[in-house]
Amino acid sequence: MARARSWAEMKEWMAGLVARSGADVAEWNRRIDAAGITDEPALRAFLDEQGVTGYAQMLLVFERFGYPDFFTRTGEELIDAQYADRTHLRPVYDAVELLALGLAGTHVQARKGYVSFVGPRRTFAAVQPSTRARVDLGLRLDDPPGGRLATAPSVGNAAIRVRVPLGSVEDVDDEVADLVRRAYAENL
């Protein structure tokens, strides 16, 4: 299986700082120093005024005030930690990862509490060990809940609207494979 990318490895990709602002992290750090900013709210306000938002802003805040512990771990360390107290669910995650990585241009982005599957354009699915007995596969689909699809109020990011609860590898069946492929296709 492909190695999951860590936050640190995704730093430049997720920020897109140079493309959006014309300046790299070192230049932004110089600008922040020159502005005399010493606290996070002031830094966020300053960056908002400069049009630096989202991941780029988060990156510069981390640069100034320190990176959280999860940011310095590898992708595999983050995934291992998610399943440390529920090892019986790791094969469920692995089965979903195998499906997702079979789709062209997909990569794995590990986070502290879940894993995102990102296609060529954007995130199309997320997997989260939600309970000790269940993994939730969140999908970026506009489908209403029904059948195996349940609402996904807290799986991955806000774009993930529905989820499929998975309790075993057997639950990762043809229907789940079709849903993953459809979410990928709808988010190209």
C-alpha atoms as a PDB file:
ATOM      1  CA  MET A   1       0.000   0.000   0.000  1.00  0.00           C
ATOM      2  CA  ALA A   2       1.025   3.564  -0.587  1.00  0.00           C
ATOM      3  CA  ARG A   3       2.509   5.450   2.295  1.00  0.00           C
ATOM      4  CA  ALA A   4       0.180   8.070   3.726  1.00  0.00           C
ATOM      5  CA  ARG A   5       1.361  11.633   3.521  1.00  0.00           C
ATOM      6  CA  SER A   6       1.892  13.424   6.791  1.00  0.00           C
ATOM      7  CA  TRP A   7       0.884  16.988   7.520  1.00  0.00           C
ATOM      8  CA  ALA A   8       4.507  18.038   7.289  1.00  0.00           C
ATOM      9  CA  GLU A   9       4.861  16.534   3.808  1.00  0.00           C
ATOM     10  CA  MET A  10       1.699  18.301   2.708  1.00  0.00           C
ATOM     11  CA  LYS A  11       2.859  21.686   3.982  1.00  0.00           C
ATOM     12  CA  GLU A  12       3.578  23.354   0.654  1.00  0.00           C
ATOM     13  CA  TRP A  13       0.773  21.540  -1.201  1.00  0.00           C
ATOM     14  CA  MET A  14      -1.937  22.503   1.234  1.00  0.00           C
ATOM     15  CA  ALA A  15      -0.793  26.051   1.659  1.00  0.00           C
ATOM     16  CA  GLY A  16      -0.329  26.985  -1.990  1.00  0.00           C
ATOM     17  CA  LEU A  17       1.212  30.060  -0.450  1.00  0.00           C
ATOM     18  CA  VAL A  18       3.548  31.110  -3.253  1.00  0.00           C
ATOM     19  CA  ALA A  19       0.920  30.581  -5.946  1.00  0.00           C
ATOM     20  CA  ARG A  20      -1.678  32.609  -4.055  1.00  0.00           C
ATOM     21  CA  SER A  21       0.440  35.381  -2.610  1.00  0.00           C
ATOM     22  CA  GLY A  22       3.691  35.477  -4.562  1.00  0.00           C
ATOM     23  CA  ALA A  23       5.693  34.992  -1.362  1.00  0.00           C
ATOM     24  CA  ASP A  24       7.031  31.908   0.385  1.00  0.00           C
ATOM     25  CA  VAL A  25       6.971  31.064   4.088  1.00  0.00           C
ATOM     26  CA  ALA A  26      10.307  32.787   4.751  1.00  0.00           C
ATOM     27  CA  GLU A  27       9.087  36.026   3.133  1.00  0.00           C
ATOM     28  CA  TRP A  28       5.809  35.919   5.080  1.00  0.00           C
ATOM     29  CA  ASN A  29       7.745  35.387   8.305  1.00  0.00           C
ATOM     30  CA  ARG A  30       9.777  38.532   7.489  1.00  0.00           C
ATOM     31  CA  ARG A  31       6.562  40.490   6.838  1.00  0.00           C
ATOM     32  CA  ILE A  32       5.039  39.289  10.108  1.00  0.00           C
ATOM     33  CA  ASP A  33       8.210  40.254  12.013  1.00  0.00           C
ATOM     34  CA  ALA A  34       8.180  43.710  10.402  1.00  0.00           C
ATOM     35  CA  ALA A  35       4.533  44.181  11.407  1.00  0.00           C
ATOM     36  CA  GLY A  36       5.460  43.445  15.040  1.00  0.00           C
ATOM     37  CA  ILE A  37       2.705  40.865  15.509  1.00  0.00           C
ATOM     38  CA  THR A  38       2.976  38.945  18.790  1.00  0.00           C
ATOM     39  CA  ASP A  39      -0.323  37.086  19.261  1.00  0.00           C
ATOM     40  CA  GLU A  40      -2.451  34.725  17.215  1.00  0.00           C
ATOM     41  CA  PRO A  41      -5.625  36.855  16.879  1.00  0.00           C
ATOM     42  CA  ALA A  42      -3.559  39.782  15.589  1.00  0.00           C
ATOM     43  CA  LEU A  43      -1.718  37.507  13.166  1.00  0.00           C
ATOM     44  CA  ARG A  44      -4.973  36.039  11.816  1.00  0.00           C
ATOM     45  CA  ALA A  45      -6.425  39.553  11.368  1.00  0.00           C
ATOM     46  CA  PHE A  46      -3.250  40.720   9.591  1.00  0.00           C
ATOM     47  CA  LEU A  47      -3.281  37.688   7.279  1.00  0.00           C
ATOM     48  CA  ASP A  48      -6.997  38.155   6.538  1.00  0.00           C
ATOM     49  CA  GLU A  49      -6.251  41.739   5.481  1.00  0.00           C
ATOM     50  CA  GLN A  50      -3.526  40.407   3.183  1.00  0.00           C
ATOM     51  CA  GLY A  51      -5.908  37.851   1.628  1.00  0.00           C
ATOM     52  CA  VAL A  52      -4.146  34.873   3.224  1.00  0.00           C
ATOM     53  CA  THR A  53      -6.814  32.481   4.488  1.00  0.00           C
ATOM     54  CA  GLY A  54      -7.484  28.767   4.921  1.00  0.00           C
ATOM     55  CA  TYR A  55      -4.575  26.344   4.937  1.00  0.00           C
ATOM     56  CA  ALA A  56      -2.095  29.069   4.027  1.00  0.00           C
ATOM     57  CA  GLN A  57      -3.107  31.046   7.115  1.00  0.00           C
ATOM     58  CA  MET A  58      -2.975  27.937   9.290  1.00  0.00           C
ATOM     59  CA  LEU A  59       0.542  27.226   8.058  1.00  0.00           C
ATOM     60  CA  LEU A  60       1.767  30.727   8.907  1.00  0.00           C
ATOM     61  CA  VAL A  61       0.149  30.590  12.360  1.00  0.00           C
ATOM     62  CA  PHE A  62       1.924  27.268  12.981  1.00  0.00           C
ATOM     63  CA  GLU A  63       5.198  28.771  11.742  1.00  0.00           C
ATOM     64  CA  ARG A  64       4.877  31.616  14.227  1.00  0.00           C
ATOM     65  CA  PHE A  65       3.453  29.870  17.293  1.00  0.00           C
ATOM     66  CA  GLY A  66       4.550  26.272  16.840  1.00  0.00           C
ATOM     67  CA  TYR A  67       3.288  23.149  15.189  1.00  0.00           C
ATOM     68  CA  PRO A  68       0.944  20.803  17.039  1.00  0.00           C
ATOM     69  CA  ASP A  69       2.333  17.374  17.873  1.00  0.00           C
ATOM     70  CA  PHE A  70       0.273  15.625  15.174  1.00  0.00           C
ATOM     71  CA  PHE A  71       1.829  17.844  12.521  1.00  0.00           C
ATOM     72  CA  THR A  72       5.278  16.391  13.125  1.00  0.00           C
ATOM     73  CA  ARG A  73       4.231  12.725  12.935  1.00  0.00           C
ATOM     74  CA  THR A  74       4.395  10.642   9.781  1.00  0.00           C
ATOM     75  CA  GLY A  75       1.198   9.619   8.045  1.00  0.00           C
ATOM     76  CA  GLU A  76       1.660   6.007   9.124  1.00  0.00           C
ATOM     77  CA  GLU A  77       2.189   7.071  12.752  1.00  0.00           C
ATOM     78  CA  LEU A  78      -1.065   9.033  12.646  1.00  0.00           C
ATOM     79  CA  ILE A  79      -3.004   6.078  11.202  1.00  0.00           C
ATOM     80  CA  ASP A  80      -1.412   3.628  13.647  1.00  0.00           C
ATOM     81  CA  ALA A  81      -2.429   5.894  16.543  1.00  0.00           C
ATOM     82  CA  GLN A  82      -6.049   6.002  15.317  1.00  0.00           C
ATOM     83  CA  TYR A  83      -6.273   2.208  15.499  1.00  0.00           C
ATOM     84  CA  ALA A  84      -4.000   1.559  18.489  1.00  0.00           C
ATOM     85  CA  ASP A  85      -6.906   0.707  20.810  1.00  0.00           C
ATOM     86  CA  ARG A  86      -9.052  -0.949  18.121  1.00  0.00           C
ATOM     87  CA  THR A  87      -6.654  -3.068  16.108  1.00  0.00           C
ATOM     88  CA  HIS A  88      -9.512  -5.284  14.894  1.00  0.00           C
ATOM     89  CA  LEU A  89     -10.758  -2.315  12.807  1.00  0.00           C
ATOM     90  CA  ARG A  90      -7.456  -1.621  11.035  1.00  0.00           C
ATOM     91  CA  PRO A  91      -8.209  -4.214   8.313  1.00  0.00           C
ATOM     92  CA  VAL A  92     -11.445  -2.324   7.566  1.00  0.00           C
ATOM     93  CA  TYR A  93      -9.456   0.864   7.032  1.00  0.00           C
ATOM     94  CA  ASP A  94      -6.900  -1.031   4.923  1.00  0.00           C
ATOM     95  CA  ALA A  95      -9.679  -2.430   2.671  1.00  0.00           C
ATOM     96  CA  VAL A  96     -11.120   1.051   2.059  1.00  0.00           C
ATOM     97  CA  GLU A  97      -7.656   2.479   1.439  1.00  0.00           C
ATOM     98  CA  LEU A  98      -6.999  -0.222  -1.157  1.00  0.00           C
ATOM     99  CA  LEU A  99     -10.244   0.706  -2.963  1.00  0.00           C
ATOM    100  CA  ALA A 100      -9.471   4.416  -2.926  1.00  0.00           C
ATOM    101  CA  LEU A 101      -5.869   4.054  -4.055  1.00  0.00           C
ATOM    102  CA  GLY A 102      -7.080   2.047  -7.059  1.00  0.00           C
ATOM    103  CA  LEU A 103      -8.505   5.300  -8.439  1.00  0.00           C
ATOM    104  CA  ALA A 104      -6.127   7.349 -10.607  1.00  0.00           C
ATOM    105  CA  GLY A 105      -4.381  10.245  -8.929  1.00  0.00           C
ATOM    106  CA  THR A 106      -5.629   9.465  -5.426  1.00  0.00           C
ATOM    107  CA  HIS A 107      -3.433  10.011  -2.405  1.00  0.00           C
ATOM    108  CA  VAL A 108      -3.901   9.487   1.312  1.00  0.00           C
ATOM    109  CA  GLN A 109      -3.790  12.430   3.710  1.00  0.00           C
ATOM    110  CA  ALA A 110      -3.542  11.295   7.318  1.00  0.00           C
ATOM    111  CA  ARG A 111      -4.813  13.569  10.033  1.00  0.00           C
ATOM    112  CA  LYS A 112      -5.024  13.151  13.800  1.00  0.00           C
ATOM    113  CA  GLY A 113      -8.519  11.655  13.938  1.00  0.00           C
ATOM    114  CA  TYR A 114      -9.294  10.564  10.391  1.00  0.00           C
ATOM    115  CA  VAL A 115      -7.814   9.885   6.971  1.00  0.00           C
ATOM    116  CA  SER A 116      -8.836  11.697   3.792  1.00  0.00           C
ATOM    117  CA  PHE A 117      -8.685  10.301   0.290  1.00  0.00           C
ATOM    118  CA  VAL A 118      -7.892  13.104  -2.109  1.00  0.00           C
ATOM    119  CA  GLY A 119      -8.391  12.745  -5.838  1.00  0.00           C
ATOM    120  CA  PRO A 120      -6.893  14.909  -8.560  1.00  0.00           C
ATOM    121  CA  ARG A 121      -9.201  17.800  -7.642  1.00  0.00           C
ATOM    122  CA  ARG A 122     -10.298  17.445  -4.019  1.00  0.00           C
ATOM    123  CA  THR A 123     -11.199  15.189  -1.093  1.00  0.00           C
ATOM    124  CA  PHE A 124     -13.849  12.655  -2.036  1.00  0.00           C
ATOM    125  CA  ALA A 125     -13.869  10.347   1.000  1.00  0.00           C
ATOM    126  CA  ALA A 126     -12.679  10.042   4.579  1.00  0.00           C
ATOM    127  CA  VAL A 127     -12.328   7.148   7.012  1.00  0.00           C
ATOM    128  CA  GLN A 128     -12.647   7.620  10.734  1.00  0.00           C
ATOM    129  CA  PRO A 129     -12.637   5.083  13.559  1.00  0.00           C
ATOM    130  CA  SER A 130     -15.784   6.473  15.190  1.00  0.00           C
ATOM    131  CA  THR A 131     -16.334   3.890  17.919  1.00  0.00           C
ATOM    132  CA  ARG A 132     -14.544   0.817  19.209  1.00  0.00           C
ATOM    133  CA  ALA A 133     -16.822  -1.292  16.996  1.00  0.00           C
ATOM    134  CA  ARG A 134     -17.210   0.860  13.881  1.00  0.00           C
ATOM    135  CA  VAL A 135     -15.303   2.711  11.206  1.00  0.00           C
ATOM    136  CA  ASP A 136     -17.214   5.368   9.285  1.00  0.00           C
ATOM    137  CA  LEU A 137     -16.562   5.831   5.600  1.00  0.00           C
ATOM    138  CA  GLY A 138     -17.558   9.410   4.837  1.00  0.00           C
ATOM    139  CA  LEU A 139     -18.345  10.304   1.246  1.00  0.00           C
ATOM    140  CA  ARG A 140     -18.569  13.604  -0.573  1.00  0.00           C
ATOM    141  CA  LEU A 141     -21.897  12.875  -2.222  1.00  0.00           C
ATOM    142  CA  ASP A 142     -25.122  14.869  -2.388  1.00  0.00           C
ATOM    143  CA  ASP A 143     -27.211  11.731  -1.795  1.00  0.00           C
ATOM    144  CA  PRO A 144     -29.729  11.947   1.026  1.00  0.00           C
ATOM    145  CA  PRO A 145     -29.384   9.485   3.905  1.00  0.00           C
ATOM    146  CA  GLY A 146     -31.154   6.197   3.346  1.00  0.00           C
ATOM    147  CA  GLY A 147     -30.304   2.536   2.981  1.00  0.00           C
ATOM    148  CA  ARG A 148     -26.702   2.155   4.087  1.00  0.00           C
ATOM    149  CA  LEU A 149     -26.063   5.899   3.868  1.00  0.00           C
ATOM    150  CA  ALA A 150     -26.384   7.802   7.132  1.00  0.00           C
ATOM    151  CA  THR A 151     -25.799  11.486   7.854  1.00  0.00           C
ATOM    152  CA  ALA A 152     -22.187  12.381   8.500  1.00  0.00           C
ATOM    153  CA  PRO A 153     -22.173  15.338  10.872  1.00  0.00           C
ATOM    154  CA  SER A 154     -18.632  14.724  12.107  1.00  0.00           C
ATOM    155  CA  VAL A 155     -16.699  12.574   9.626  1.00  0.00           C
ATOM    156  CA  GLY A 156     -13.781  14.326   7.961  1.00  0.00           C
ATOM    157  CA  ASN A 157     -14.496  17.846   6.795  1.00  0.00           C
ATOM    158  CA  ALA A 158     -17.796  19.665   6.230  1.00  0.00           C
ATOM    159  CA  ALA A 159     -17.960  18.569   2.576  1.00  0.00           C
ATOM    160  CA  ILE A 160     -18.443  14.949   3.682  1.00  0.00           C
ATOM    161  CA  ARG A 161     -22.234  14.720   3.921  1.00  0.00           C
ATOM    162  CA  VAL A 162     -23.011  11.005   4.152  1.00  0.00           C
ATOM    163  CA  ARG A 163     -21.322   8.004   5.731  1.00  0.00           C
ATOM    164  CA  VAL A 164     -21.430   4.237   5.583  1.00  0.00           C
ATOM    165  CA  PRO A 165     -20.847   2.516   8.931  1.00  0.00           C
ATOM    166  CA  LEU A 166     -18.411  -0.404   8.600  1.00  0.00           C
ATOM    167  CA  GLY A 167     -17.889  -2.972  11.338  1.00  0.00           C
ATOM    168  CA  SER A 168     -15.874  -5.586   9.463  1.00  0.00           C
ATOM    169  CA  VAL A 169     -13.974  -6.171   6.237  1.00  0.00           C
ATOM    170  CA  GLU A 170     -17.043  -8.002   4.922  1.00  0.00           C
ATOM    171  CA  ASP A 171     -18.921  -4.686   5.052  1.00  0.00           C
ATOM    172  CA  VAL A 172     -16.505  -3.312   2.428  1.00  0.00           C
ATOM    173  CA  ASP A 173     -18.494  -4.949  -0.367  1.00  0.00           C
ATOM    174  CA  ASP A 174     -19.401  -4.170  -3.990  1.00  0.00           C
ATOM    175  CA  GLU A 175     -21.923  -1.537  -2.921  1.00  0.00           C
ATOM    176  CA  VAL A 176     -19.266   0.289  -0.893  1.00  0.00           C
ATOM    177  CA  ALA A 177     -16.811   0.013  -3.799  1.00  0.00           C
ATOM    178  CA  ASP A 178     -19.434   1.548  -6.123  1.00  0.00           C
ATOM    179  CA  LEU A 179     -20.075   4.394  -3.660  1.00  0.00           C
ATOM    180  CA  VAL A 180     -16.344   5.153  -3.375  1.00  0.00           C
ATOM    181  CA  ARG A 181     -15.966   5.166  -7.174  1.00  0.00           C
ATOM    182  CA  ARG A 182     -19.003   7.410  -7.532  1.00  0.00           C
ATOM    183  CA  ALA A 183     -17.740   9.884  -4.912  1.00  0.00           C
ATOM    184  CA  TYR A 184     -14.393   9.987  -6.732  1.00  0.00           C
ATOM    185  CA  ALA A 185     -16.053  10.585 -10.118  1.00  0.00           C
ATOM    186  CA  GLU A 186     -18.368  13.294  -8.792  1.00  0.00           C
ATOM    187  CA  ASN A 187     -15.414  15.189  -7.348  1.00  0.00           C
ATOM    188  CA  LEU A 188     -13.101  15.237 -10.352  1.00  0.00           C
END
